[in-house]
N, C-alpha and C. Protein backbone atom coordinates (compact mmCIF):
# COMPACT_ATOMS: atom_id res chain seq x y z
N MET A 1 2.79 4.55 -14.47
CA MET A 1 3.05 3.68 -13.04
C MET A 1 1.53 3.00 -12.44
N ASN A 2 1.72 1.82 -12.65
CA ASN A 2 0.34 0.60 -12.71
C ASN A 2 0.00 0.70 -11.14
N VAL A 3 -1.47 1.67 -10.72
CA VAL A 3 -1.51 0.81 -8.98
C VAL A 3 -2.74 -0.07 -9.60
N ASN A 4 -3.03 -1.40 -8.88
CA ASN A 4 -4.43 -1.98 -8.97
C ASN A 4 -4.72 -2.20 -7.54
N VAL A 5 -6.39 -1.52 -7.41
CA VAL A 5 -6.63 -1.43 -6.31
C VAL A 5 -8.03 -2.89 -5.96
N LYS A 6 -8.25 -3.49 -5.17
CA LYS A 6 -9.00 -4.71 -5.45
C LYS A 6 -9.60 -4.95 -3.62
N SER A 7 -10.91 -4.70 -3.55
CA SER A 7 -11.39 -4.70 -2.04
C SER A 7 -12.36 -6.18 -1.91
N VAL A 8 -12.50 -6.57 -0.87
CA VAL A 8 -12.90 -7.97 -0.64
C VAL A 8 -13.59 -7.86 0.50
N ARG A 9 -14.54 -8.42 -0.06
CA ARG A 9 -16.02 -7.91 1.03
C ARG A 9 -16.84 -6.34 0.94
N PHE A 10 -16.49 -5.75 0.32
CA PHE A 10 -17.24 -4.29 0.14
C PHE A 10 -16.99 -3.92 -1.06
N LYS A 11 -17.41 -2.78 -1.29
CA LYS A 11 -17.42 -2.02 -3.03
C LYS A 11 -16.69 -0.85 -2.31
N ALA A 12 -14.99 -0.59 -3.11
CA ALA A 12 -14.54 0.61 -2.36
C ALA A 12 -14.89 1.57 -3.16
N ASP A 13 -15.45 2.83 -2.72
CA ASP A 13 -15.74 4.29 -3.75
C ASP A 13 -14.92 4.73 -4.19
N GLN A 14 -14.89 5.58 -4.94
CA GLN A 14 -14.36 6.14 -6.02
C GLN A 14 -12.78 7.20 -4.93
N LYS A 15 -14.26 7.85 -4.32
CA LYS A 15 -13.03 8.82 -3.40
C LYS A 15 -11.53 8.42 -2.76
N LEU A 16 -11.74 6.61 -2.77
CA LEU A 16 -11.46 5.67 -1.84
C LEU A 16 -9.97 5.55 -2.59
N GLU A 17 -10.75 5.19 -4.19
CA GLU A 17 -9.50 4.34 -4.42
C GLU A 17 -8.46 5.71 -5.45
N ASN A 18 -8.99 7.12 -5.59
CA ASN A 18 -8.41 8.35 -5.66
C ASN A 18 -7.39 8.77 -4.42
N PHE A 19 -8.34 8.01 -3.68
CA PHE A 19 -7.13 8.56 -2.26
C PHE A 19 -5.94 7.30 -2.33
N ILE A 20 -6.14 6.16 -2.54
CA ILE A 20 -4.62 5.32 -2.49
C ILE A 20 -4.04 5.70 -4.31
N GLU A 21 -4.96 5.73 -5.09
CA GLU A 21 -4.01 5.64 -6.31
C GLU A 21 -2.97 7.89 -6.29
N LYS A 22 -3.32 8.54 -5.15
CA LYS A 22 -2.95 10.11 -5.41
C LYS A 22 -1.65 9.70 -4.43
N LYS A 23 -1.94 8.83 -2.80
CA LYS A 23 -0.84 8.61 -2.07
C LYS A 23 0.09 7.76 -2.95
N LEU A 24 -0.05 6.79 -3.53
CA LEU A 24 0.79 5.92 -4.22
C LEU A 24 1.66 6.65 -5.46
N GLN A 25 1.03 7.20 -6.11
CA GLN A 25 1.81 8.48 -7.21
C GLN A 25 2.79 9.42 -6.31
N LYS A 26 2.79 9.70 -5.37
CA LYS A 26 4.09 10.44 -4.88
C LYS A 26 4.63 9.63 -3.94
N PHE A 27 4.23 8.70 -3.73
CA PHE A 27 5.73 7.20 -3.33
C PHE A 27 6.29 6.70 -4.57
N PHE A 28 6.06 6.52 -5.66
CA PHE A 28 6.14 6.72 -6.66
C PHE A 28 7.64 7.40 -7.31
N GLY A 29 7.81 7.90 -6.85
CA GLY A 29 8.54 9.99 -7.72
C GLY A 29 9.62 9.37 -6.48
N PHE A 30 9.56 8.64 -5.02
CA PHE A 30 10.51 8.79 -4.20
C PHE A 30 11.23 7.44 -4.77
N HIS A 31 10.90 6.26 -5.48
CA HIS A 31 12.13 5.56 -5.93
C HIS A 31 11.49 4.93 -7.43
N GLU A 32 12.57 5.39 -8.69
CA GLU A 32 12.39 5.13 -9.71
C GLU A 32 12.65 3.47 -9.86
N GLN A 33 12.73 2.45 -9.24
CA GLN A 33 12.59 1.30 -9.10
C GLN A 33 11.38 0.53 -9.58
N ILE A 34 10.65 1.03 -8.70
CA ILE A 34 8.82 0.46 -8.54
C ILE A 34 8.35 0.22 -9.60
N LEU A 35 8.01 -0.34 -10.12
CA LEU A 35 7.26 -0.90 -11.53
C LEU A 35 6.01 -0.97 -11.22
N ALA A 36 4.80 -1.26 -10.13
CA ALA A 36 3.53 -1.45 -9.75
C ALA A 36 3.03 -1.23 -8.81
N SER A 37 2.11 -1.77 -8.40
CA SER A 37 1.86 -1.98 -6.58
C SER A 37 0.46 -2.71 -6.57
N ASN A 38 0.13 -3.65 -6.58
CA ASN A 38 -1.04 -4.00 -5.88
C ASN A 38 -1.85 -3.64 -4.10
N VAL A 39 -2.94 -2.93 -4.49
CA VAL A 39 -3.42 -3.00 -3.17
C VAL A 39 -4.64 -3.54 -3.17
N VAL A 40 -4.83 -4.23 -2.07
CA VAL A 40 -5.80 -5.62 -1.86
C VAL A 40 -6.43 -4.29 -0.26
N LEU A 41 -7.74 -4.40 -0.40
CA LEU A 41 -8.59 -3.91 0.80
C LEU A 41 -9.30 -4.61 1.55
N ARG A 42 -9.66 -4.64 2.81
CA ARG A 42 -10.45 -5.90 3.37
C ARG A 42 -10.96 -5.48 4.17
N LEU A 43 -12.56 -5.94 5.24
CA LEU A 43 -13.03 -5.80 6.16
C LEU A 43 -12.96 -7.02 6.62
N ASP A 44 -12.34 -6.76 8.31
CA ASP A 44 -12.49 -8.17 8.76
C ASP A 44 -13.68 -8.55 9.60
N ASN A 45 -13.95 -9.75 9.59
CA ASN A 45 -15.14 -10.46 10.22
C ASN A 45 -14.76 -9.67 11.88
N SER A 46 -13.91 -9.16 12.25
CA SER A 46 -14.20 -9.08 14.11
C SER A 46 -14.84 -8.15 14.48
N GLU A 47 -15.20 -8.20 15.56
CA GLU A 47 -16.04 -7.18 15.99
C GLU A 47 -15.26 -6.36 17.06
N THR A 48 -14.13 -5.98 17.19
CA THR A 48 -13.78 -4.36 16.81
C THR A 48 -13.51 -3.77 15.74
N ARG A 49 -13.59 -2.30 16.16
CA ARG A 49 -13.33 -1.17 15.14
C ARG A 49 -12.16 -1.10 14.04
N GLU A 50 -11.24 -1.97 15.02
CA GLU A 50 -9.83 -1.54 13.75
C GLU A 50 -10.04 -3.14 13.25
N ASN A 51 -10.92 -3.27 12.08
CA ASN A 51 -11.64 -4.36 11.21
C ASN A 51 -10.88 -4.04 9.50
N LYS A 52 -10.35 -3.01 9.10
CA LYS A 52 -10.26 -2.55 8.47
C LYS A 52 -8.88 -2.87 8.42
N ILE A 53 -8.08 -3.73 6.87
CA ILE A 53 -6.92 -3.74 5.99
C ILE A 53 -6.68 -3.35 5.01
N ALA A 54 -5.24 -2.88 4.97
CA ALA A 54 -4.47 -2.65 3.84
C ALA A 54 -3.40 -3.56 3.87
N GLU A 55 -3.36 -4.20 2.51
CA GLU A 55 -1.90 -5.00 2.09
C GLU A 55 -1.82 -4.20 0.55
N ILE A 56 -0.70 -3.68 0.32
CA ILE A 56 0.01 -2.76 -0.55
C ILE A 56 1.55 -3.50 -0.55
N ARG A 57 1.66 -4.41 -2.06
CA ARG A 57 2.61 -5.00 -2.54
C ARG A 57 3.39 -4.05 -3.84
N LEU A 58 4.44 -3.62 -3.34
CA LEU A 58 5.22 -3.09 -4.84
C LEU A 58 6.12 -3.80 -5.56
N ILE A 59 5.75 -3.67 -6.73
CA ILE A 59 6.55 -4.87 -7.95
C ILE A 59 7.77 -3.85 -8.07
N LEU A 60 8.78 -4.04 -7.58
CA LEU A 60 10.13 -3.80 -8.27
C LEU A 60 11.20 -4.72 -9.06
N LYS A 61 12.15 -3.86 -9.98
CA LYS A 61 12.77 -4.41 -10.88
C LYS A 61 13.33 -5.70 -10.16
N GLY A 62 13.35 -7.16 -10.15
CA GLY A 62 13.83 -8.38 -9.72
C GLY A 62 13.26 -8.37 -8.02
N ASP A 63 12.65 -7.66 -7.59
CA ASP A 63 12.05 -7.76 -6.05
C ASP A 63 10.80 -7.74 -6.15
N GLU A 64 10.00 -8.00 -4.74
CA GLU A 64 8.75 -7.41 -4.12
C GLU A 64 8.70 -6.64 -2.81
N LEU A 65 7.75 -5.54 -1.89
CA LEU A 65 8.16 -5.30 -0.91
C LEU A 65 6.47 -5.49 -0.19
N PHE A 66 6.41 -5.82 0.46
CA PHE A 66 5.46 -5.58 1.08
C PHE A 66 4.80 -5.00 2.47
N ALA A 67 3.52 -4.16 2.93
CA ALA A 67 3.18 -3.97 4.02
C ALA A 67 1.44 -4.18 4.09
N LYS A 68 1.36 -4.53 5.83
CA LYS A 68 -0.12 -4.66 5.51
C LYS A 68 -0.52 -4.21 7.25
N LYS A 69 -1.34 -3.66 6.94
CA LYS A 69 -2.17 -2.65 8.43
C LYS A 69 -3.12 -3.09 8.34
N ARG A 70 -3.74 -2.84 9.82
CA ARG A 70 -4.87 -2.89 10.43
C ARG A 70 -5.61 -2.04 11.43
N THR A 71 -6.63 -1.20 10.72
CA THR A 71 -6.78 0.41 11.54
C THR A 71 -8.23 0.25 11.53
N ARG A 72 -8.42 1.63 12.11
CA ARG A 72 -10.02 2.26 11.66
C ARG A 72 -10.80 3.09 10.68
N THR A 73 -9.88 3.00 9.99
CA THR A 73 -10.40 3.23 8.87
C THR A 73 -9.34 3.37 7.63
N PHE A 74 -9.75 2.83 6.06
CA PHE A 74 -8.96 2.23 5.08
C PHE A 74 -7.68 3.49 4.95
N GLU A 75 -8.07 4.50 5.05
CA GLU A 75 -6.87 5.74 4.60
C GLU A 75 -5.80 5.62 5.79
N GLU A 76 -6.25 5.95 6.94
CA GLU A 76 -5.13 4.85 7.57
C GLU A 76 -4.57 4.06 7.87
N ALA A 77 -5.21 2.80 7.41
CA ALA A 77 -4.18 1.04 7.11
C ALA A 77 -3.55 1.88 5.52
N VAL A 78 -3.62 2.46 4.61
CA VAL A 78 -3.32 2.55 4.00
C VAL A 78 -1.79 3.75 3.93
N ASP A 79 -2.35 4.61 4.60
CA ASP A 79 -1.11 5.83 5.25
C ASP A 79 0.24 4.98 5.92
N GLN A 80 -0.11 4.30 6.81
CA GLN A 80 0.50 3.59 8.04
C GLN A 80 1.62 2.43 6.84
N SER A 81 0.62 1.73 5.98
CA SER A 81 0.90 0.96 5.01
C SER A 81 2.04 1.42 4.17
N ILE A 82 2.13 2.77 3.28
CA ILE A 82 2.93 3.68 2.77
C ILE A 82 4.31 3.92 4.17
N ASP A 83 3.62 4.25 5.23
CA ASP A 83 5.07 4.35 5.95
C ASP A 83 6.34 3.35 5.89
N ALA A 84 5.43 2.38 6.40
CA ALA A 84 6.49 1.22 6.44
C ALA A 84 7.13 0.70 4.92
N LEU A 85 6.30 0.73 3.99
CA LEU A 85 7.23 0.44 2.83
C LEU A 85 8.35 1.27 2.36
N LYS A 86 7.95 2.74 2.70
CA LYS A 86 9.22 4.10 2.91
C LYS A 86 10.38 3.31 3.89
N LYS A 87 10.32 2.70 4.79
CA LYS A 87 11.34 2.28 5.44
C LYS A 87 11.87 0.96 4.43
N GLN A 88 11.06 -0.39 3.96
CA GLN A 88 11.43 -0.64 3.13
C GLN A 88 12.43 -0.43 1.39
N VAL A 89 11.99 0.82 1.47
CA VAL A 89 12.39 1.01 0.24
C VAL A 89 13.92 1.56 0.75
N GLU A 90 14.01 2.45 1.34
CA GLU A 90 15.15 2.88 2.27
C GLU A 90 16.13 1.79 2.69
N LYS A 91 15.83 0.56 2.79
CA LYS A 91 16.71 -0.84 3.08
C LYS A 91 17.05 -1.14 2.09
N TYR A 92 16.51 -1.05 1.03
CA TYR A 92 16.54 -1.68 -0.07
C TYR A 92 17.65 -1.04 -0.94
N LYS A 93 17.34 0.53 -1.09
CA LYS A 93 18.06 1.26 -1.56
C LYS A 93 19.80 1.10 -1.02
N GLU A 94 19.95 1.03 0.06
CA GLU A 94 21.12 1.19 0.93
C GLU A 94 21.84 -0.39 0.78
N ARG A 95 21.16 -1.94 0.38
CA ARG A 95 21.84 -2.63 -0.16
C ARG A 95 22.77 -2.53 -1.19
N PHE A 96 21.72 -1.64 -2.25
CA PHE A 96 22.38 -1.60 -3.48
C PHE A 96 23.85 -0.18 -3.52
N LYS A 97 23.79 0.16 -2.41
CA LYS A 97 24.64 1.43 -2.63
C LYS A 97 26.06 0.95 -2.35
N LYS A 98 26.49 -0.42 -1.53
CA LYS A 98 27.16 -0.35 -0.87
C LYS A 98 28.29 -1.78 -1.97
């Protein structure tokens, strides 16, 4: 499974990249149709503490799913994005069961 992590306006440390990879590898076992993922981590210029943005795009056979969350930490944003993607994957699976 291919996981691409890109950081914008900062340099992501190895610990953060490992965290993301570990979370997504668990998620990939959840659905066999997932081919790859693209993760973009971005620091927003806002004055609020919730200025960390995680965008995750899952590439599936013939489709894409996307989630974007803004929180205080990148880890929390990644967790929330993955939770949103789990719901999307469930809906995606239901379309093909009928």
